[in-house]
Protein backbone atom coordinates (compact mmCIF):
# COMPACT_ATOMS: atom_id res chain seq x y z
CA MET A 1 38.66 77.06 85.24
CA TYR A 2 41.56 74.92 86.46
CA LEU A 3 40.40 71.88 84.50
CA GLU A 4 39.80 73.95 81.38
CA ILE A 5 43.37 75.20 81.48
CA GLN A 6 44.71 71.69 82.06
CA ASN A 7 42.73 70.38 79.09
CA LEU A 8 44.00 73.12 76.80
CA ARG A 9 47.59 72.50 77.92
CA GLU A 10 47.15 68.80 77.13
CA ILE A 11 46.06 69.48 73.57
CA GLY A 12 49.17 71.56 73.09
CA LEU A 13 48.10 75.20 73.29
CA ASN A 14 50.65 77.60 74.67
CA VAL A 15 49.99 79.99 77.53
CA SER A 16 49.14 83.05 75.45
CA GLN A 17 46.69 81.07 73.31
CA ILE A 18 44.96 79.71 76.40
CA ALA A 19 44.81 83.18 77.96
CA ARG A 20 43.23 84.63 74.83
CA LYS A 21 40.76 81.77 74.51
CA LEU A 22 39.57 81.98 78.12
CA GLY A 23 39.78 85.76 78.39
CA VAL A 24 42.24 85.73 81.28
CA CYS A 25 45.72 87.17 81.65
CA ARG A 26 48.80 85.02 81.18
CA ASN A 27 49.66 85.26 84.87
CA THR A 28 46.38 83.55 85.69
CA VAL A 29 47.25 80.70 83.34
CA TYR A 30 50.70 80.34 84.93
CA LYS A 31 49.13 80.01 88.37
CA TYR A 32 47.26 76.92 87.20
């Protein structure tokens, strides 16, 4: 999960896009 979020950040997705893609809430993304 952590690495997935890091990879998505690297390719330039913003937090809400990552949250939607992984099915998690934005707070979870912020934690990573």
